[in-house]
Amino acid sequence: MASKDERLALNVAGAYYVDESCVDCGACPATAPGNFRRCDDTGTSYVYRQPETELERSLCREALEGCPTESIGDNGDET
């Protein structure tokens, strides 16, 4: 389960985030490319834009559920 205390600084503020346990497998940017990106410098993925539509929220939820390291968190409206 993702930890808010280990949330990556690259993430934009909002409900979804990626934490330090990310191994940059590429699954989340492949699943929700409008919301996740990879960072070559850190070797992690991160949320660059929070979901705004039902489709984007659905894709982010799919990315969260499919994350092999459980590095994606969703804390509602918390930042």
PDB file of N, CA and C in Angstrom:
ATOM      1  N   MET A   1       0.837  -1.174   0.000  1.00  0.00           N
ATOM      2  CA  MET A   1       0.000   0.000   0.000  1.00  0.00           C
ATOM      3  C   MET A   1       0.889   1.248   0.000  1.00  0.00           C
ATOM      4  N   ALA A   2       0.570   2.209  -0.842  1.00  0.00           N
ATOM      5  CA  ALA A   2       1.339   3.442  -0.954  1.00  0.00           C
ATOM      6  C   ALA A   2       1.273   4.229   0.349  1.00  0.00           C
ATOM      7  N   SER A   3       2.353   4.945   0.627  1.00  0.00           N
ATOM      8  CA  SER A   3       2.459   5.725   1.858  1.00  0.00           C
ATOM      9  C   SER A   3       2.504   7.214   1.547  1.00  0.00           C
ATOM     10  N   LYS A   4       1.592   7.988   2.164  1.00  0.00           N
ATOM     11  CA  LYS A   4       1.619   9.442   1.985  1.00  0.00           C
ATOM     12  C   LYS A   4       2.934  10.035   2.471  1.00  0.00           C
ATOM     13  N   ASP A   5       3.533   9.421   3.490  1.00  0.00           N
ATOM     14  CA  ASP A   5       4.790   9.915   4.038  1.00  0.00           C
ATOM     15  C   ASP A   5       5.955   9.739   3.064  1.00  0.00           C
ATOM     16  N   GLU A   6       5.785   8.831   2.094  1.00  0.00           N
ATOM     17  CA  GLU A   6       6.840   8.568   1.111  1.00  0.00           C
ATOM     18  C   GLU A   6       6.451   9.072  -0.281  1.00  0.00           C
ATOM     19  N   ARG A   7       5.473   9.945  -0.326  1.00  0.00           N
ATOM     20  CA  ARG A   7       4.996  10.533  -1.583  1.00  0.00           C
ATOM     21  C   ARG A   7       6.146  11.249  -2.279  1.00  0.00           C
ATOM     22  N   LEU A   8       6.316  10.985  -3.579  1.00  0.00           N
ATOM     23  CA  LEU A   8       7.378  11.635  -4.355  1.00  0.00           C
ATOM     24  C   LEU A   8       7.072  13.115  -4.564  1.00  0.00           C
ATOM     25  N   ALA A   9       8.100  13.944  -4.478  1.00  0.00           N
ATOM     26  CA  ALA A   9       7.943  15.388  -4.662  1.00  0.00           C
ATOM     27  C   ALA A   9       7.519  15.738  -6.088  1.00  0.00           C
ATOM     28  N   LEU A  10       7.774  14.862  -7.045  1.00  0.00           N
ATOM     29  CA  LEU A  10       7.401  15.115  -8.444  1.00  0.00           C
ATOM     30  C   LEU A  10       5.893  15.158  -8.661  1.00  0.00           C
ATOM     31  N   ASN A  11       5.122  14.488  -7.801  1.00  0.00           N
ATOM     32  CA  ASN A  11       3.673  14.434  -7.954  1.00  0.00           C
ATOM     33  C   ASN A  11       3.049  15.821  -7.814  1.00  0.00           C
ATOM     34  N   VAL A  12       2.050  16.108  -8.634  1.00  0.00           N
ATOM     35  CA  VAL A  12       1.271  17.324  -8.431  1.00  0.00           C
ATOM     36  C   VAL A  12       0.361  17.102  -7.231  1.00  0.00           C
ATOM     37  N   ALA A  13      -0.074  18.165  -6.613  1.00  0.00           N
ATOM     38  CA  ALA A  13      -0.972  18.070  -5.470  1.00  0.00           C
ATOM     39  C   ALA A  13      -2.290  17.442  -5.894  1.00  0.00           C
ATOM     40  N   GLY A  14      -2.875  16.674  -5.002  1.00  0.00           N
ATOM     41  CA  GLY A  14      -4.163  16.074  -5.276  1.00  0.00           C
ATOM     42  C   GLY A  14      -4.273  14.666  -4.740  1.00  0.00           C
ATOM     43  N   ALA A  15      -5.348  14.026  -5.076  1.00  0.00           N
ATOM     44  CA  ALA A  15      -5.685  12.719  -4.524  1.00  0.00           C
ATOM     45  C   ALA A  15      -4.696  11.623  -4.892  1.00  0.00           C
ATOM     46  N   TYR A  16      -4.352  11.538  -6.149  1.00  0.00           N
ATOM     47  CA  TYR A  16      -3.469  10.447  -6.599  1.00  0.00           C
ATOM     48  C   TYR A  16      -2.010  10.842  -6.470  1.00  0.00           C
ATOM     49  N   TYR A  17      -1.177   9.872  -6.118  1.00  0.00           N
ATOM     50  CA  TYR A  17       0.258  10.097  -6.003  1.00  0.00           C
ATOM     51  C   TYR A  17       0.992   8.770  -6.157  1.00  0.00           C
ATOM     52  N   VAL A  18       2.294   8.874  -6.395  1.00  0.00           N
ATOM     53  CA  VAL A  18       3.184   7.717  -6.447  1.00  0.00           C
ATOM     54  C   VAL A  18       4.189   7.903  -5.320  1.00  0.00           C
ATOM     55  N   ASP A  19       4.519   6.804  -4.619  1.00  0.00           N
ATOM     56  CA  ASP A  19       5.466   6.930  -3.519  1.00  0.00           C
ATOM     57  C   ASP A  19       6.842   6.369  -3.885  1.00  0.00           C
ATOM     58  N   GLU A  20       7.756   6.409  -2.935  1.00  0.00           N
ATOM     59  CA  GLU A  20       9.153   6.033  -3.160  1.00  0.00           C
ATOM     60  C   GLU A  20       9.372   4.557  -3.485  1.00  0.00           C
ATOM     61  N   SER A  21       8.368   3.729  -3.308  1.00  0.00           N
ATOM     62  CA  SER A  21       8.533   2.301  -3.608  1.00  0.00           C
ATOM     63  C   SER A  21       8.429   1.998  -5.101  1.00  0.00           C
ATOM     64  N   CYS A  22       8.137   3.002  -5.914  1.00  0.00           N
ATOM     65  CA  CYS A  22       8.010   2.830  -7.364  1.00  0.00           C
ATOM     66  C   CYS A  22       9.322   2.342  -7.976  1.00  0.00           C
ATOM     67  N   VAL A  23       9.211   1.351  -8.865  1.00  0.00           N
ATOM     68  CA  VAL A  23      10.375   0.819  -9.577  1.00  0.00           C
ATOM     69  C   VAL A  23      10.330   1.191 -11.059  1.00  0.00           C
ATOM     70  N   ASP A  24       9.412   2.092 -11.423  1.00  0.00           N
ATOM     71  CA  ASP A  24       9.278   2.586 -12.794  1.00  0.00           C
ATOM     72  C   ASP A  24       9.084   1.460 -13.803  1.00  0.00           C
ATOM     73  N   CYS A  25       8.124   0.585 -13.508  1.00  0.00           N
ATOM     74  CA  CYS A  25       7.837  -0.522 -14.415  1.00  0.00           C
ATOM     75  C   CYS A  25       7.156  -0.040 -15.700  1.00  0.00           C
ATOM     76  N   GLY A  26       6.579   1.169 -15.650  1.00  0.00           N
ATOM     77  CA  GLY A  26       5.928   1.729 -16.823  1.00  0.00           C
ATOM     78  C   GLY A  26       4.459   1.408 -16.951  1.00  0.00           C
ATOM     79  N   ALA A  27       3.905   0.667 -15.995  1.00  0.00           N
ATOM     80  CA  ALA A  27       2.495   0.271 -16.093  1.00  0.00           C
ATOM     81  C   ALA A  27       1.544   1.456 -15.968  1.00  0.00           C
ATOM     82  N   CYS A  28       1.789   2.359 -15.027  1.00  0.00           N
ATOM     83  CA  CYS A  28       0.827   3.455 -14.842  1.00  0.00           C
ATOM     84  C   CYS A  28       0.831   4.447 -16.011  1.00  0.00           C
ATOM     85  N   PRO A  29       1.992   4.835 -16.568  1.00  0.00           N
ATOM     86  CA  PRO A  29       1.922   5.703 -17.744  1.00  0.00           C
ATOM     87  C   PRO A  29       1.289   5.007 -18.952  1.00  0.00           C
ATOM     88  N   ALA A  30       1.429   3.690 -19.019  1.00  0.00           N
ATOM     89  CA  ALA A  30       0.806   2.951 -20.118  1.00  0.00           C
ATOM     90  C   ALA A  30      -0.708   2.880 -19.938  1.00  0.00           C
ATOM     91  N   THR A  31      -1.158   2.782 -18.693  1.00  0.00           N
ATOM     92  CA  THR A  31      -2.583   2.671 -18.397  1.00  0.00           C
ATOM     93  C   THR A  31      -3.284   4.024 -18.439  1.00  0.00           C
ATOM     94  N   ALA A  32      -2.659   5.041 -17.857  1.00  0.00           N
ATOM     95  CA  ALA A  32      -3.266   6.378 -17.779  1.00  0.00           C
ATOM     96  C   ALA A  32      -2.235   7.427 -18.212  1.00  0.00           C
ATOM     97  N   PRO A  33      -1.916   7.459 -19.509  1.00  0.00           N
ATOM     98  CA  PRO A  33      -0.866   8.364 -19.993  1.00  0.00           C
ATOM     99  C   PRO A  33      -1.187   9.846 -19.828  1.00  0.00           C
ATOM    100  N   GLY A  34      -2.443  10.182 -19.663  1.00  0.00           N
ATOM    101  CA  GLY A  34      -2.822  11.573 -19.455  1.00  0.00           C
ATOM    102  C   GLY A  34      -2.576  12.055 -18.040  1.00  0.00           C
ATOM    103  N   ASN A  35      -2.188  11.127 -17.156  1.00  0.00           N
ATOM    104  CA  ASN A  35      -2.032  11.481 -15.752  1.00  0.00           C
ATOM    105  C   ASN A  35      -0.685  11.080 -15.139  1.00  0.00           C
ATOM    106  N   PHE A  36      -0.049  10.052 -15.698  1.00  0.00           N
ATOM    107  CA  PHE A  36       1.226   9.573 -15.164  1.00  0.00           C
ATOM    108  C   PHE A  36       2.329   9.739 -16.198  1.00  0.00           C
ATOM    109  N   ARG A  37       3.518  10.034 -15.707  1.00  0.00           N
ATOM    110  CA  ARG A  37       4.707  10.108 -16.554  1.00  0.00           C
ATOM    111  C   ARG A  37       5.852   9.400 -15.857  1.00  0.00           C
ATOM    112  N   ARG A  38       6.860   9.072 -16.656  1.00  0.00           N
ATOM    113  CA  ARG A  38       8.086   8.478 -16.123  1.00  0.00           C
ATOM    114  C   ARG A  38       9.145   9.558 -16.031  1.00  0.00           C
ATOM    115  N   CYS A  39      10.016   9.432 -15.020  1.00  0.00           N
ATOM    116  CA  CYS A  39      11.125  10.363 -14.846  1.00  0.00           C
ATOM    117  C   CYS A  39      12.421   9.574 -14.914  1.00  0.00           C
ATOM    118  N   ASP A  40      13.182   9.772 -15.970  1.00  0.00           N
ATOM    119  CA  ASP A  40      14.448   9.062 -16.125  1.00  0.00           C
ATOM    120  C   ASP A  40      15.450   9.435 -15.040  1.00  0.00           C
ATOM    121  N   ASP A  41      15.403  10.677 -14.577  1.00  0.00           N
ATOM    122  CA  ASP A  41      16.362  11.129 -13.570  1.00  0.00           C
ATOM    123  C   ASP A  41      16.212  10.404 -12.238  1.00  0.00           C
ATOM    124  N   THR A  42      14.964  10.127 -11.847  1.00  0.00           N
ATOM    125  CA  THR A  42      14.729   9.475 -10.557  1.00  0.00           C
ATOM    126  C   THR A  42      14.453   7.981 -10.686  1.00  0.00           C
ATOM    127  N   GLY A  43      14.164   7.521 -11.901  1.00  0.00           N
ATOM    128  CA  GLY A  43      13.835   6.116 -12.088  1.00  0.00           C
ATOM    129  C   GLY A  43      12.500   5.755 -11.480  1.00  0.00           C
ATOM    130  N   THR A  44      11.568   6.708 -11.519  1.00  0.00           N
ATOM    131  CA  THR A  44      10.220   6.492 -10.986  1.00  0.00           C
ATOM    132  C   THR A  44       9.193   7.079 -11.935  1.00  0.00           C
ATOM    133  N   SER A  45       7.966   6.692 -11.724  1.00  0.00           N
ATOM    134  CA  SER A  45       6.845   7.347 -12.382  1.00  0.00           C
ATOM    135  C   SER A  45       6.201   8.273 -11.369  1.00  0.00           C
ATOM    136  N   TYR A  46       5.354   9.186 -11.840  1.00  0.00           N
ATOM    137  CA  TYR A  46       4.719  10.160 -10.948  1.00  0.00           C
ATOM    138  C   TYR A  46       3.441  10.681 -11.591  1.00  0.00           C
ATOM    139  N   VAL A  47       2.607  11.314 -10.783  1.00  0.00           N
ATOM    140  CA  VAL A  47       1.367  11.928 -11.273  1.00  0.00           C
ATOM    141  C   VAL A  47       1.703  13.348 -11.694  1.00  0.00           C
ATOM    142  N   TYR A  48       1.541  13.620 -12.988  1.00  0.00           N
ATOM    143  CA  TYR A  48       1.832  14.976 -13.467  1.00  0.00           C
ATOM    144  C   TYR A  48       0.561  15.789 -13.646  1.00  0.00           C
ATOM    145  N   ARG A  49      -0.591  15.103 -13.653  1.00  0.00           N
ATOM    146  CA  ARG A  49      -1.878  15.797 -13.760  1.00  0.00           C
ATOM    147  C   ARG A  49      -2.925  14.930 -13.083  1.00  0.00           C
ATOM    148  N   GLN A  50      -3.674  15.520 -12.167  1.00  0.00           N
ATOM    149  CA  GLN A  50      -4.735  14.782 -11.488  1.00  0.00           C
ATOM    150  C   GLN A  50      -5.896  14.537 -12.456  1.00  0.00           C
ATOM    151  N   PRO A  51      -6.598  13.419 -12.287  1.00  0.00           N
ATOM    152  CA  PRO A  51      -7.720  13.130 -13.185  1.00  0.00           C
ATOM    153  C   PRO A  51      -8.844  14.149 -13.023  1.00  0.00           C
ATOM    154  N   GLU A  52      -9.455  14.517 -14.151  1.00  0.00           N
ATOM    155  CA  GLU A  52     -10.529  15.501 -14.145  1.00  0.00           C
ATOM    156  C   GLU A  52     -11.851  14.933 -14.634  1.00  0.00           C
ATOM    157  N   THR A  53     -11.805  13.870 -15.409  1.00  0.00           N
ATOM    158  CA  THR A  53     -13.034  13.286 -15.950  1.00  0.00           C
ATOM    159  C   THR A  53     -13.253  11.895 -15.354  1.00  0.00           C
ATOM    160  N   GLU A  54     -14.450  11.375 -15.531  1.00  0.00           N
ATOM    161  CA  GLU A  54     -14.743  10.014 -15.051  1.00  0.00           C
ATOM    162  C   GLU A  54     -13.825   8.995 -15.721  1.00  0.00           C
ATOM    163  N   LEU A  55     -13.560   9.173 -17.012  1.00  0.00           N
ATOM    164  CA  LEU A  55     -12.667   8.258 -17.717  1.00  0.00           C
ATOM    165  C   LEU A  55     -11.265   8.310 -17.114  1.00  0.00           C
ATOM    166  N   GLU A  56     -10.755   9.506 -16.888  1.00  0.00           N
ATOM    167  CA  GLU A  56      -9.428   9.631 -16.286  1.00  0.00           C
ATOM    168  C   GLU A  56      -9.390   9.030 -14.883  1.00  0.00           C
ATOM    169  N   ARG A  57     -10.439   9.260 -14.085  1.00  0.00           N
ATOM    170  CA  ARG A  57     -10.483   8.664 -12.749  1.00  0.00           C
ATOM    171  C   ARG A  57     -10.507   7.145 -12.833  1.00  0.00           C
ATOM    172  N   SER A  58     -11.231   6.630 -13.791  1.00  0.00           N
ATOM    173  CA  SER A  58     -11.296   5.180 -13.988  1.00  0.00           C
ATOM    174  C   SER A  58      -9.937   4.614 -14.384  1.00  0.00           C
ATOM    175  N   LEU A  59      -9.235   5.299 -15.277  1.00  0.00           N
ATOM    176  CA  LEU A  59      -7.911   4.843 -15.705  1.00  0.00           C
ATOM    177  C   LEU A  59      -6.892   4.941 -14.568  1.00  0.00           C
ATOM    178  N   CYS A  60      -6.976   5.986 -13.765  1.00  0.00           N
ATOM    179  CA  CYS A  60      -6.074   6.107 -12.615  1.00  0.00           C
ATOM    180  C   CYS A  60      -6.360   5.009 -11.598  1.00  0.00           C
ATOM    181  N   ARG A  61      -7.613   4.691 -11.384  1.00  0.00           N
ATOM    182  CA  ARG A  61      -7.984   3.608 -10.468  1.00  0.00           C
ATOM    183  C   ARG A  61      -7.443   2.286 -11.007  1.00  0.00           C
ATOM    184  N   GLU A  62      -7.558   2.083 -12.324  1.00  0.00           N
ATOM    185  CA  GLU A  62      -7.019   0.869 -12.953  1.00  0.00           C
ATOM    186  C   GLU A  62      -5.505   0.794 -12.764  1.00  0.00           C
ATOM    187  N   ALA A  63      -4.809   1.925 -12.918  1.00  0.00           N
ATOM    188  CA  ALA A  63      -3.364   1.962 -12.706  1.00  0.00           C
ATOM    189  C   ALA A  63      -3.028   1.628 -11.258  1.00  0.00           C
ATOM    190  N   LEU A  64      -3.776   2.194 -10.314  1.00  0.00           N
ATOM    191  CA  LEU A  64      -3.556   1.922  -8.898  1.00  0.00           C
ATOM    192  C   LEU A  64      -3.718   0.428  -8.612  1.00  0.00           C
ATOM    193  N   GLU A  65      -4.795  -0.143  -9.096  1.00  0.00           N
ATOM    194  CA  GLU A  65      -5.082  -1.554  -8.830  1.00  0.00           C
ATOM    195  C   GLU A  65      -4.100  -2.491  -9.525  1.00  0.00           C
ATOM    196  N   GLY A  66      -3.514  -2.049 -10.638  1.00  0.00           N
ATOM    197  CA  GLY A  66      -2.587  -2.896 -11.383  1.00  0.00           C
ATOM    198  C   GLY A  66      -1.125  -2.690 -11.026  1.00  0.00           C
ATOM    199  N   CYS A  67      -0.826  -1.742 -10.136  1.00  0.00           N
ATOM    200  CA  CYS A  67       0.561  -1.447  -9.783  1.00  0.00           C
ATOM    201  C   CYS A  67       1.184  -2.637  -9.057  1.00  0.00           C
ATOM    202  N   PRO A  68       2.244  -3.228  -9.624  1.00  0.00           N
ATOM    203  CA  PRO A  68       2.831  -4.426  -9.022  1.00  0.00           C
ATOM    204  C   PRO A  68       3.530  -4.172  -7.687  1.00  0.00           C
ATOM    205  N   THR A  69       3.899  -2.929  -7.405  1.00  0.00           N
ATOM    206  CA  THR A  69       4.567  -2.620  -6.139  1.00  0.00           C
ATOM    207  C   THR A  69       3.661  -1.845  -5.185  1.00  0.00           C
ATOM    208  N   GLU A  70       2.389  -1.672  -5.555  1.00  0.00           N
ATOM    209  CA  GLU A  70       1.414  -0.928  -4.746  1.00  0.00           C
ATOM    210  C   GLU A  70       1.944   0.453  -4.364  1.00  0.00           C
ATOM    211  N   SER A  71       2.532   1.123  -5.345  1.00  0.00           N
ATOM    212  CA  SER A  71       3.173   2.427  -5.129  1.00  0.00           C
ATOM    213  C   SER A  71       2.257   3.608  -5.414  1.00  0.00           C
ATOM    214  N   ILE A  72       1.041   3.359  -5.868  1.00  0.00           N
ATOM    215  CA  ILE A  72       0.110   4.439  -6.185  1.00  0.00           C
ATOM    216  C   ILE A  72      -0.910   4.549  -5.067  1.00  0.00           C
ATOM    217  N   GLY A  73      -1.107   5.788  -4.613  1.00  0.00           N
ATOM    218  CA  GLY A  73      -2.084   6.026  -3.570  1.00  0.00           C
ATOM    219  C   GLY A  73      -3.196   6.941  -4.051  1.00  0.00           C
ATOM    220  N   ASP A  74      -4.341   6.854  -3.379  1.00  0.00           N
ATOM    221  CA  ASP A  74      -5.488   7.713  -3.636  1.00  0.00           C
ATOM    222  C   ASP A  74      -6.077   8.049  -2.278  1.00  0.00           C
ATOM    223  N   ASN A  75      -5.838   9.257  -1.832  1.00  0.00           N
ATOM    224  CA  ASN A  75      -6.314   9.673  -0.526  1.00  0.00           C
ATOM    225  C   ASN A  75      -7.439  10.685  -0.624  1.00  0.00           C
ATOM    226  N   GLY A  76      -8.354  10.469  -1.571  1.00  0.00           N
ATOM    227  CA  GLY A  76      -9.478  11.364  -1.710  1.00  0.00           C
ATOM    228  C   GLY A  76      -9.031  12.771  -2.045  1.00  0.00           C
ATOM    229  N   ASP A  77      -9.466  13.740  -1.280  1.00  0.00           N
ATOM    230  CA  ASP A  77      -9.119  15.137  -1.553  1.00  0.00           C
ATOM    231  C   ASP A  77      -7.859  15.572  -0.841  1.00  0.00           C
ATOM    232  N   GLU A  78      -7.227  14.682  -0.096  1.00  0.00           N
ATOM    233  CA  GLU A  78      -6.011  15.047   0.630  1.00  0.00           C
ATOM    234  C   GLU A  78      -4.860  15.268  -0.328  1.00  0.00           C
ATOM    235  N   THR A  79      -3.939  16.126   0.052  1.00  0.00           N
ATOM    236  CA  THR A  79      -2.742  16.359  -0.757  1.00  0.00           C
ATOM    237  C   THR A  79      -1.533  15.795  -0.070  1.00  0.00           C
TER     238      THR A  79
END
